[in-house]
Amino acid sequence: MKTIFVAGHAKLPGGMAANHISESLTLTLEIDRKYGVIIDASCTLATDHGREYIKSLLKGYSLKDGTEEPVASLREGYLGKAGNALEAALKDSYKQYQLHH
């Protein structure tokens, strides 16, 4: 396999549409095994538009460089209630990546 798949989880804030499905947010990343680049991303936000937008914010970053740049991209681009949960899920995904790489 040329890619690996990691998942990160974080608790959602109260009062969100996604809370009716689950109290946690999951962020999944497909990562190039050699370079650590995020090839694809998905999350459990309530709308397709939101999920696609998060994917566009994260694709192309290399986790070999850490999470500072993709976290900054999330903070600058996503202004919804789940911002802190997305950041926490990204950092959790990064921990999973580090454990296996």
PDB file of N, CA and C in Angstrom:
ATOM      1  N   MET A   1       0.835  -1.188   0.000  1.00  0.00           N
ATOM      2  CA  MET A   1       0.000   0.000   0.000  1.00  0.00           C
ATOM      3  C   MET A   1       0.879   1.250   0.000  1.00  0.00           C
ATOM      4  N   LYS A   2       0.486   2.203  -0.799  1.00  0.00           N
ATOM      5  CA  LYS A   2       1.233   3.455  -0.867  1.00  0.00           C
ATOM      6  C   LYS A   2       0.659   4.519   0.058  1.00  0.00           C
ATOM      7  N   THR A   3      -0.510   4.234   0.647  1.00  0.00           N
ATOM      8  CA  THR A   3      -1.130   5.190   1.559  1.00  0.00           C
ATOM      9  C   THR A   3      -1.482   4.499   2.867  1.00  0.00           C
ATOM     10  N   ILE A   4      -1.689   5.323   3.895  1.00  0.00           N
ATOM     11  CA  ILE A   4      -2.202   4.833   5.170  1.00  0.00           C
ATOM     12  C   ILE A   4      -3.447   5.637   5.509  1.00  0.00           C
ATOM     13  N   PHE A   5      -4.282   5.076   6.369  1.00  0.00           N
ATOM     14  CA  PHE A   5      -5.555   5.684   6.748  1.00  0.00           C
ATOM     15  C   PHE A   5      -5.559   5.846   8.259  1.00  0.00           C
ATOM     16  N   VAL A   6      -5.754   7.080   8.721  1.00  0.00           N
ATOM     17  CA  VAL A   6      -5.813   7.333  10.160  1.00  0.00           C
ATOM     18  C   VAL A   6      -7.105   8.064  10.490  1.00  0.00           C
ATOM     19  N   ALA A   7      -7.540   7.898  11.727  1.00  0.00           N
ATOM     20  CA  ALA A   7      -8.755   8.568  12.187  1.00  0.00           C
ATOM     21  C   ALA A   7      -8.478   9.245  13.515  1.00  0.00           C
ATOM     22  N   GLY A   8      -9.006  10.453  13.649  1.00  0.00           N
ATOM     23  CA  GLY A   8      -8.916  11.186  14.901  1.00  0.00           C
ATOM     24  C   GLY A   8     -10.308  11.535  15.372  1.00  0.00           C
ATOM     25  N   HIS A   9     -10.465  11.658  16.679  1.00  0.00           N
ATOM     26  CA  HIS A   9     -11.783  11.906  17.252  1.00  0.00           C
ATOM     27  C   HIS A   9     -11.705  13.062  18.242  1.00  0.00           C
ATOM     28  N   ALA A  10     -12.829  13.769  18.376  1.00  0.00           N
ATOM     29  CA  ALA A  10     -12.923  14.865  19.340  1.00  0.00           C
ATOM     30  C   ALA A  10     -14.384  15.073  19.703  1.00  0.00           C
ATOM     31  N   LYS A  11     -14.618  15.596  20.883  1.00  0.00           N
ATOM     32  CA  LYS A  11     -15.978  15.873  21.349  1.00  0.00           C
ATOM     33  C   LYS A  11     -16.498  17.146  20.686  1.00  0.00           C
ATOM     34  N   LEU A  12     -17.753  17.088  20.227  1.00  0.00           N
ATOM     35  CA  LEU A  12     -18.393  18.256  19.619  1.00  0.00           C
ATOM     36  C   LEU A  12     -18.987  19.156  20.691  1.00  0.00           C
ATOM     37  N   PRO A  13     -19.047  20.465  20.441  1.00  0.00           N
ATOM     38  CA  PRO A  13     -19.739  21.353  21.377  1.00  0.00           C
ATOM     39  C   PRO A  13     -21.246  21.113  21.303  1.00  0.00           C
ATOM     40  N   GLY A  14     -21.965  21.443  22.338  1.00  0.00           N
ATOM     41  CA  GLY A  14     -23.417  21.283  22.355  1.00  0.00           C
ATOM     42  C   GLY A  14     -24.094  22.207  21.361  1.00  0.00           C
ATOM     43  N   GLY A  15     -25.300  21.836  20.945  1.00  0.00           N
ATOM     44  CA  GLY A  15     -26.102  22.688  20.077  1.00  0.00           C
ATOM     45  C   GLY A  15     -25.777  22.613  18.604  1.00  0.00           C
ATOM     46  N   MET A  16     -25.036  21.605  18.179  1.00  0.00           N
ATOM     47  CA  MET A  16     -24.701  21.470  16.758  1.00  0.00           C
ATOM     48  C   MET A  16     -25.594  20.433  16.103  1.00  0.00           C
ATOM     49  N   ALA A  17     -25.865  20.611  14.810  1.00  0.00           N
ATOM     50  CA  ALA A  17     -26.682  19.655  14.063  1.00  0.00           C
ATOM     51  C   ALA A  17     -26.070  18.262  14.105  1.00  0.00           C
ATOM     52  N   ALA A  18     -24.756  18.175  14.019  1.00  0.00           N
ATOM     53  CA  ALA A  18     -24.085  16.874  14.027  1.00  0.00           C
ATOM     54  C   ALA A  18     -24.248  16.163  15.367  1.00  0.00           C
ATOM     55  N   ASN A  19     -24.582  16.901  16.426  1.00  0.00           N
ATOM     56  CA  ASN A  19     -24.776  16.296  17.742  1.00  0.00           C
ATOM     57  C   ASN A  19     -25.957  15.348  17.775  1.00  0.00           C
ATOM     58  N   HIS A  20     -26.915  15.535  16.880  1.00  0.00           N
ATOM     59  CA  HIS A  20     -28.074  14.648  16.850  1.00  0.00           C
ATOM     60  C   HIS A  20     -27.673  13.256  16.380  1.00  0.00           C
ATOM     61  N   ILE A  21     -26.576  13.149  15.684  1.00  0.00           N
ATOM     62  CA  ILE A  21     -26.072  11.869  15.196  1.00  0.00           C
ATOM     63  C   ILE A  21     -25.080  11.282  16.202  1.00  0.00           C
ATOM     64  N   SER A  22     -24.179  12.107  16.683  1.00  0.00           N
ATOM     65  CA  SER A  22     -23.122  11.650  17.584  1.00  0.00           C
ATOM     66  C   SER A  22     -22.613  12.838  18.385  1.00  0.00           C
ATOM     67  N   GLU A  23     -22.073  12.567  19.559  1.00  0.00           N
ATOM     68  CA  GLU A  23     -21.500  13.638  20.371  1.00  0.00           C
ATOM     69  C   GLU A  23     -20.040  13.891  20.042  1.00  0.00           C
ATOM     70  N   SER A  24     -19.496  13.087  19.127  1.00  0.00           N
ATOM     71  CA  SER A  24     -18.095  13.275  18.764  1.00  0.00           C
ATOM     72  C   SER A  24     -17.949  13.509  17.268  1.00  0.00           C
ATOM     73  N   LEU A  25     -16.851  14.121  16.913  1.00  0.00           N
ATOM     74  CA  LEU A  25     -16.510  14.367  15.519  1.00  0.00           C
ATOM     75  C   LEU A  25     -15.361  13.435  15.163  1.00  0.00           C
ATOM     76  N   THR A  26     -15.452  12.833  14.003  1.00  0.00           N
ATOM     77  CA  THR A  26     -14.374  11.988  13.502  1.00  0.00           C
ATOM     78  C   THR A  26     -13.785  12.638  12.259  1.00  0.00           C
ATOM     79  N   LEU A  27     -12.476  12.680  12.189  1.00  0.00           N
ATOM     80  CA  LEU A  27     -11.755  13.178  11.026  1.00  0.00           C
ATOM     81  C   LEU A  27     -10.885  12.038  10.525  1.00  0.00           C
ATOM     82  N   THR A  28     -11.060  11.658   9.265  1.00  0.00           N
ATOM     83  CA  THR A  28     -10.233  10.603   8.689  1.00  0.00           C
ATOM     84  C   THR A  28      -9.336  11.194   7.615  1.00  0.00           C
ATOM     85  N   LEU A  29      -8.124  10.663   7.543  1.00  0.00           N
ATOM     86  CA  LEU A  29      -7.136  11.151   6.590  1.00  0.00           C
ATOM     87  C   LEU A  29      -6.508   9.980   5.850  1.00  0.00           C
ATOM     88  N   GLU A  30      -6.403  10.107   4.530  1.00  0.00           N
ATOM     89  CA  GLU A  30      -5.601   9.182   3.743  1.00  0.00           C
ATOM     90  C   GLU A  30      -4.283   9.897   3.481  1.00  0.00           C
ATOM     91  N   ILE A  31      -3.189   9.253   3.857  1.00  0.00           N
ATOM     92  CA  ILE A  31      -1.882   9.896   3.854  1.00  0.00           C
ATOM     93  C   ILE A  31      -0.898   9.088   3.018  1.00  0.00           C
ATOM     94  N   ASP A  32      -0.152   9.793   2.173  1.00  0.00           N
ATOM     95  CA  ASP A  32       0.913   9.156   1.407  1.00  0.00           C
ATOM     96  C   ASP A  32       1.958   8.618   2.382  1.00  0.00           C
ATOM     97  N   ARG A  33       2.220   7.329   2.288  1.00  0.00           N
ATOM     98  CA  ARG A  33       3.123   6.663   3.235  1.00  0.00           C
ATOM     99  C   ARG A  33       4.541   7.246   3.205  1.00  0.00           C
ATOM    100  N   LYS A  34       5.050   7.565   2.032  1.00  0.00           N
ATOM    101  CA  LYS A  34       6.437   8.021   1.898  1.00  0.00           C
ATOM    102  C   LYS A  34       6.630   9.478   2.322  1.00  0.00           C
ATOM    103  N   TYR A  35       5.738  10.355   1.882  1.00  0.00           N
ATOM    104  CA  TYR A  35       5.927  11.793   2.098  1.00  0.00           C
ATOM    105  C   TYR A  35       5.053  12.388   3.200  1.00  0.00           C
ATOM    106  N   GLY A  36       4.085  11.627   3.702  1.00  0.00           N
ATOM    107  CA  GLY A  36       3.223  12.125   4.768  1.00  0.00           C
ATOM    108  C   GLY A  36       2.179  13.125   4.318  1.00  0.00           C
ATOM    109  N   VAL A  37       1.977  13.259   3.009  1.00  0.00           N
ATOM    110  CA  VAL A  37       1.043  14.256   2.477  1.00  0.00           C
ATOM    111  C   VAL A  37      -0.399  13.759   2.590  1.00  0.00           C
ATOM    112  N   ILE A  38      -1.284  14.643   3.040  1.00  0.00           N
ATOM    113  CA  ILE A  38      -2.707  14.321   3.116  1.00  0.00           C
ATOM    114  C   ILE A  38      -3.260  14.301   1.698  1.00  0.00           C
ATOM    115  N   ILE A  39      -3.693  13.128   1.260  1.00  0.00           N
ATOM    116  CA  ILE A  39      -4.228  12.941  -0.085  1.00  0.00           C
ATOM    117  C   ILE A  39      -5.733  13.147  -0.103  1.00  0.00           C
ATOM    118  N   ASP A  40      -6.389  12.707   0.971  1.00  0.00           N
ATOM    119  CA  ASP A  40      -7.842  12.844   1.061  1.00  0.00           C
ATOM    120  C   ASP A  40      -8.209  12.991   2.529  1.00  0.00           C
ATOM    121  N   ALA A  41      -9.339  13.637   2.774  1.00  0.00           N
ATOM    122  CA  ALA A  41      -9.806  13.846   4.141  1.00  0.00           C
ATOM    123  C   ALA A  41     -11.322  13.815   4.163  1.00  0.00           C
ATOM    124  N   SER A  42     -11.859  13.364   5.277  1.00  0.00           N
ATOM    125  CA  SER A  42     -13.303  13.357   5.465  1.00  0.00           C
ATOM    126  C   SER A  42     -13.577  13.588   6.944  1.00  0.00           C
ATOM    127  N   CYS A  43     -14.759  14.122   7.227  1.00  0.00           N
ATOM    128  CA  CYS A  43     -15.137  14.328   8.619  1.00  0.00           C
ATOM    129  C   CYS A  43     -16.644  14.161   8.759  1.00  0.00           C
ATOM    130  N   THR A  44     -17.106  14.143   9.988  1.00  0.00           N
ATOM    131  CA  THR A  44     -18.522  13.896  10.244  1.00  0.00           C
ATOM    132  C   THR A  44     -19.318  15.172  10.490  1.00  0.00           C
ATOM    133  N   LEU A  45     -18.945  16.268   9.847  1.00  0.00           N
ATOM    134  CA  LEU A  45     -19.794  17.455   9.885  1.00  0.00           C
ATOM    135  C   LEU A  45     -21.134  17.117   9.230  1.00  0.00           C
ATOM    136  N   ALA A  46     -22.179  17.875   9.544  1.00  0.00           N
ATOM    137  CA  ALA A  46     -23.538  17.527   9.123  1.00  0.00           C
ATOM    138  C   ALA A  46     -23.802  17.717   7.631  1.00  0.00           C
ATOM    139  N   THR A  47     -23.080  18.614   6.963  1.00  0.00           N
ATOM    140  CA  THR A  47     -23.395  18.891   5.555  1.00  0.00           C
ATOM    141  C   THR A  47     -22.286  18.428   4.619  1.00  0.00           C
ATOM    142  N   ASP A  48     -22.687  18.044   3.413  1.00  0.00           N
ATOM    143  CA  ASP A  48     -21.711  17.680   2.383  1.00  0.00           C
ATOM    144  C   ASP A  48     -20.769  18.845   2.104  1.00  0.00           C
ATOM    145  N   HIS A  49     -21.343  20.046   2.054  1.00  0.00           N
ATOM    146  CA  HIS A  49     -20.541  21.232   1.768  1.00  0.00           C
ATOM    147  C   HIS A  49     -19.442  21.410   2.819  1.00  0.00           C
ATOM    148  N   GLY A  50     -19.813  21.259   4.086  1.00  0.00           N
ATOM    149  CA  GLY A  50     -18.835  21.385   5.160  1.00  0.00           C
ATOM    150  C   GLY A  50     -17.742  20.339   5.066  1.00  0.00           C
ATOM    151  N   ARG A  51     -18.123  19.101   4.785  1.00  0.00           N
ATOM    152  CA  ARG A  51     -17.136  18.022   4.667  1.00  0.00           C
ATOM    153  C   ARG A  51     -16.184  18.274   3.502  1.00  0.00           C
ATOM    154  N   GLU A  52     -16.731  18.716   2.366  1.00  0.00           N
ATOM    155  CA  GLU A  52     -15.890  19.011   1.198  1.00  0.00           C
ATOM    156  C   GLU A  52     -14.952  20.188   1.474  1.00  0.00           C
ATOM    157  N   TYR A  53     -15.456  21.177   2.204  1.00  0.00           N
ATOM    158  CA  TYR A  53     -14.633  22.344   2.511  1.00  0.00           C
ATOM    159  C   TYR A  53     -13.451  21.963   3.412  1.00  0.00           C
ATOM    160  N   ILE A  54     -13.714  21.150   4.427  1.00  0.00           N
ATOM    161  CA  ILE A  54     -12.637  20.707   5.314  1.00  0.00           C
ATOM    162  C   ILE A  54     -11.602  19.920   4.522  1.00  0.00           C
ATOM    163  N   LYS A  55     -12.068  19.069   3.612  1.00  0.00           N
ATOM    164  CA  LYS A  55     -11.146  18.319   2.752  1.00  0.00           C
ATOM    165  C   LYS A  55     -10.248  19.284   1.983  1.00  0.00           C
ATOM    166  N   SER A  56     -10.845  20.337   1.411  1.00  0.00           N
ATOM    167  CA  SER A  56     -10.058  21.288   0.614  1.00  0.00           C
ATOM    168  C   SER A  56      -9.045  22.046   1.478  1.00  0.00           C
ATOM    169  N   LEU A  57      -9.370  22.268   2.739  1.00  0.00           N
ATOM    170  CA  LEU A  57      -8.436  22.963   3.632  1.00  0.00           C
ATOM    171  C   LEU A  57      -7.232  22.100   4.003  1.00  0.00           C
ATOM    172  N   LEU A  58      -7.425  20.790   4.081  1.00  0.00           N
ATOM    173  CA  LEU A  58      -6.373  19.907   4.595  1.00  0.00           C
ATOM    174  C   LEU A  58      -5.528  19.222   3.529  1.00  0.00           C
ATOM    175  N   LYS A  59      -6.090  19.015   2.348  1.00  0.00           N
ATOM    176  CA  LYS A  59      -5.354  18.297   1.302  1.00  0.00           C
ATOM    177  C   LYS A  59      -4.058  19.021   0.945  1.00  0.00           C
ATOM    178  N   GLY A  60      -3.001  18.224   0.796  1.00  0.00           N
ATOM    179  CA  GLY A  60      -1.725  18.773   0.346  1.00  0.00           C
ATOM    180  C   GLY A  60      -0.715  19.042   1.443  1.00  0.00           C
ATOM    181  N   TYR A  61      -1.163  19.101   2.694  1.00  0.00           N
ATOM    182  CA  TYR A  61      -0.213  19.317   3.789  1.00  0.00           C
ATOM    183  C   TYR A  61       0.493  18.011   4.124  1.00  0.00           C
ATOM    184  N   SER A  62       1.763  18.101   4.488  1.00  0.00           N
ATOM    185  CA  SER A  62       2.522  16.922   4.901  1.00  0.00           C
ATOM    186  C   SER A  62       2.573  16.849   6.420  1.00  0.00           C
ATOM    187  N   LEU A  63       2.142  15.725   6.966  1.00  0.00           N
ATOM    188  CA  LEU A  63       2.209  15.541   8.413  1.00  0.00           C
ATOM    189  C   LEU A  63       3.642  15.338   8.888  1.00  0.00           C
ATOM    190  N   LYS A  64       4.562  15.122   7.965  1.00  0.00           N
ATOM    191  CA  LYS A  64       5.977  15.063   8.352  1.00  0.00           C
ATOM    192  C   LYS A  64       6.447  16.424   8.853  1.00  0.00           C
ATOM    193  N   ASP A  65       5.730  17.482   8.469  1.00  0.00           N
ATOM    194  CA  ASP A  65       6.051  18.836   8.915  1.00  0.00           C
ATOM    195  C   ASP A  65       5.278  19.225  10.170  1.00  0.00           C
ATOM    196  N   GLY A  66       4.509  18.293  10.745  1.00  0.00           N
ATOM    197  CA  GLY A  66       3.716  18.589  11.934  1.00  0.00           C
ATOM    198  C   GLY A  66       2.326  19.095  11.579  1.00  0.00           C
ATOM    199  N   THR A  67       1.646  19.656  12.564  1.00  0.00           N
ATOM    200  CA  THR A  67       0.256  20.097  12.362  1.00  0.00           C
ATOM    201  C   THR A  67       0.081  21.612  12.351  1.00  0.00           C
ATOM    202  N   GLU A  68       1.147  22.355  12.531  1.00  0.00           N
ATOM    203  CA  GLU A  68       1.015  23.812  12.648  1.00  0.00           C
ATOM    204  C   GLU A  68       0.328  24.436  11.426  1.00  0.00           C
ATOM    205  N   GLU A  69       0.772  24.081  10.230  1.00  0.00           N
ATOM    206  CA  GLU A  69       0.189  24.685   9.022  1.00  0.00           C
ATOM    207  C   GLU A  69      -1.248  24.240   8.765  1.00  0.00           C
ATOM    208  N   PRO A  70      -1.573  22.936   8.839  1.00  0.00           N
ATOM    209  CA  PRO A  70      -2.975  22.572   8.626  1.00  0.00           C
ATOM    210  C   PRO A  70      -3.902  23.112   9.719  1.00  0.00           C
ATOM    211  N   VAL A  71      -3.422  23.214  10.952  1.00  0.00           N
ATOM    212  CA  VAL A  71      -4.234  23.813  12.017  1.00  0.00           C
ATOM    213  C   VAL A  71      -4.498  25.282  11.695  1.00  0.00           C
ATOM    214  N   ALA A  72      -3.478  26.000  11.232  1.00  0.00           N
ATOM    215  CA  ALA A  72      -3.662  27.408  10.849  1.00  0.00           C
ATOM    216  C   ALA A  72      -4.670  27.524   9.711  1.00  0.00           C
ATOM    217  N   SER A  73      -4.618  26.602   8.761  1.00  0.00           N
ATOM    218  CA  SER A  73      -5.568  26.603   7.654  1.00  0.00           C
ATOM    219  C   SER A  73      -6.992  26.407   8.164  1.00  0.00           C
ATOM    220  N   LEU A  74      -7.181  25.484   9.109  1.00  0.00           N
ATOM    221  CA  LEU A  74      -8.505  25.275   9.703  1.00  0.00           C
ATOM    222  C   LEU A  74      -8.976  26.527  10.436  1.00  0.00           C
ATOM    223  N   ARG A  75      -8.102  27.120  11.238  1.00  0.00           N
ATOM    224  CA  ARG A  75      -8.478  28.309  12.020  1.00  0.00           C
ATOM    225  C   ARG A  75      -8.861  29.483  11.125  1.00  0.00           C
ATOM    226  N   GLU A  76      -8.130  29.649  10.026  1.00  0.00           N
ATOM    227  CA  GLU A  76      -8.399  30.773   9.122  1.00  0.00           C
ATOM    228  C   GLU A  76      -9.618  30.532   8.248  1.00  0.00           C
ATOM    229  N   GLY A  77      -9.836  29.281   7.852  1.00  0.00           N
ATOM    230  CA  GLY A  77     -10.879  28.998   6.879  1.00  0.00           C
ATOM    231  C   GLY A  77     -12.208  28.561   7.438  1.00  0.00           C
ATOM    232  N   TYR A  78     -12.209  27.863   8.575  1.00  0.00           N
ATOM    233  CA  TYR A  78     -13.456  27.341   9.134  1.00  0.00           C
ATOM    234  C   TYR A  78     -13.832  28.154  10.360  1.00  0.00           C
ATOM    235  N   LEU A  79     -14.983  28.819  10.300  1.00  0.00           N
ATOM    236  CA  LEU A  79     -15.396  29.694  11.394  1.00  0.00           C
ATOM    237  C   LEU A  79     -16.635  29.177  12.120  1.00  0.00           C
ATOM    238  N   GLY A  80     -16.951  27.899  11.952  1.00  0.00           N
ATOM    239  CA  GLY A  80     -18.125  27.305  12.592  1.00  0.00           C
ATOM    240  C   GLY A  80     -17.850  26.852  14.019  1.00  0.00           C
ATOM    241  N   LYS A  81     -18.913  26.357  14.670  1.00  0.00           N
ATOM    242  CA  LYS A  81     -18.828  25.921  16.064  1.00  0.00           C
ATOM    243  C   LYS A  81     -17.896  24.735  16.273  1.00  0.00           C
ATOM    244  N   ALA A  82     -17.679  23.943  15.245  1.00  0.00           N
ATOM    245  CA  ALA A  82     -16.864  22.733  15.389  1.00  0.00           C
ATOM    246  C   ALA A  82     -15.369  22.989  15.201  1.00  0.00           C
ATOM    247  N   GLY A  83     -14.950  24.241  15.133  1.00  0.00           N
ATOM    248  CA  GLY A  83     -13.542  24.554  14.876  1.00  0.00           C
ATOM    249  C   GLY A  83     -12.580  23.908  15.858  1.00  0.00           C
ATOM    250  N   ASN A  84     -12.870  24.028  17.147  1.00  0.00           N
ATOM    251  CA  ASN A  84     -11.981  23.429  18.150  1.00  0.00           C
ATOM    252  C   ASN A  84     -11.982  21.910  18.053  1.00  0.00           C
ATOM    253  N   ALA A  85     -13.157  21.328  17.770  1.00  0.00           N
ATOM    254  CA  ALA A  85     -13.246  19.869  17.632  1.00  0.00           C
ATOM    255  C   ALA A  85     -12.464  19.402  16.405  1.00  0.00           C
ATOM    256  N   LEU A  86     -12.544  20.139  15.310  1.00  0.00           N
ATOM    257  CA  LEU A  86     -11.781  19.778  14.109  1.00  0.00           C
ATOM    258  C   LEU A  86     -10.282  19.827  14.389  1.00  0.00           C
ATOM    259  N   GLU A  87      -9.856  20.866  15.080  1.00  0.00           N
ATOM    260  CA  GLU A  87      -8.437  20.993  15.426  1.00  0.00           C
ATOM    261  C   GLU A  87      -7.994  19.835  16.325  1.00  0.00           C
ATOM    262  N   ALA A  88      -8.810  19.510  17.322  1.00  0.00           N
ATOM    263  CA  ALA A  88      -8.471  18.407  18.226  1.00  0.00           C
ATOM    264  C   ALA A  88      -8.446  17.074  17.483  1.00  0.00           C
ATOM    265  N   ALA A  89      -9.391  16.870  16.565  1.00  0.00           N
ATOM    266  CA  ALA A  89      -9.431  15.628  15.788  1.00  0.00           C
ATOM    267  C   ALA A  89      -8.222  15.533  14.858  1.00  0.00           C
ATOM    268  N   LEU A  90      -7.793  16.659  14.302  1.00  0.00           N
ATOM    269  CA  LEU A  90      -6.594  16.664  13.463  1.00  0.00           C
ATOM    270  C   LEU A  90      -5.368  16.283  14.293  1.00  0.00           C
ATOM    271  N   LYS A  91      -5.255  16.849  15.473  1.00  0.00           N
ATOM    272  CA  LYS A  91      -4.119  16.531  16.340  1.00  0.00           C
ATOM    273  C   LYS A  91      -4.164  15.069  16.783  1.00  0.00           C
ATOM    274  N   ASP A  92      -5.369  14.535  17.007  1.00  0.00           N
ATOM    275  CA  ASP A  92      -5.510  13.125  17.353  1.00  0.00           C
ATOM    276  C   ASP A  92      -5.104  12.244  16.168  1.00  0.00           C
ATOM    277  N   SER A  93      -5.500  12.640  14.961  1.00  0.00           N
ATOM    278  CA  SER A  93      -5.092  11.911  13.750  1.00  0.00           C
ATOM    279  C   SER A  93      -3.572  11.915  13.615  1.00  0.00           C
ATOM    280  N   TYR A  94      -2.972  13.048  13.913  1.00  0.00           N
ATOM    281  CA  TYR A  94      -1.517  13.176  13.838  1.00  0.00           C
ATOM    282  C   TYR A  94      -0.833  12.222  14.822  1.00  0.00           C
ATOM    283  N   LYS A  95      -1.400  12.103  16.033  1.00  0.00           N
ATOM    284  CA  LYS A  95      -0.846  11.161  17.011  1.00  0.00           C
ATOM    285  C   LYS A  95      -0.897   9.736  16.471  1.00  0.00           C
ATOM    286  N   GLN A  96      -2.009   9.380  15.829  1.00  0.00           N
ATOM    287  CA  GLN A  96      -2.134   8.042  15.240  1.00  0.00           C
ATOM    288  C   GLN A  96      -1.089   7.851  14.137  1.00  0.00           C
ATOM    289  N   TYR A  97      -0.894   8.879  13.337  1.00  0.00           N
ATOM    290  CA  TYR A  97       0.111   8.829  12.270  1.00  0.00           C
ATOM    291  C   TYR A  97       1.502   8.604  12.860  1.00  0.00           C
ATOM    292  N   GLN A  98       1.833   9.343  13.914  1.00  0.00           N
ATOM    293  CA  GLN A  98       3.157   9.222  14.532  1.00  0.00           C
ATOM    294  C   GLN A  98       3.389   7.837  15.137  1.00  0.00           C
ATOM    295  N   LEU A  99       2.345   7.232  15.684  1.00  0.00           N
ATOM    296  CA  LEU A  99       2.476   5.909  16.291  1.00  0.00           C
ATOM    297  C   LEU A  99       2.869   4.845  15.283  1.00  0.00           C
ATOM    298  N   HIS A 100       2.441   5.027  14.052  1.00  0.00           N
ATOM    299  CA  HIS A 100       2.627   3.987  13.041  1.00  0.00           C
ATOM    300  C   HIS A 100       3.583   4.386  11.929  1.00  0.00           C
ATOM    301  N   HIS A 101       4.262   5.486  12.110  1.00  0.00           N
ATOM    302  CA  HIS A 101       5.173   5.918  11.045  1.00  0.00           C
ATOM    303  C   HIS A 101       6.521   6.305  11.595  1.00  0.00           C
TER     304      HIS A 101
END
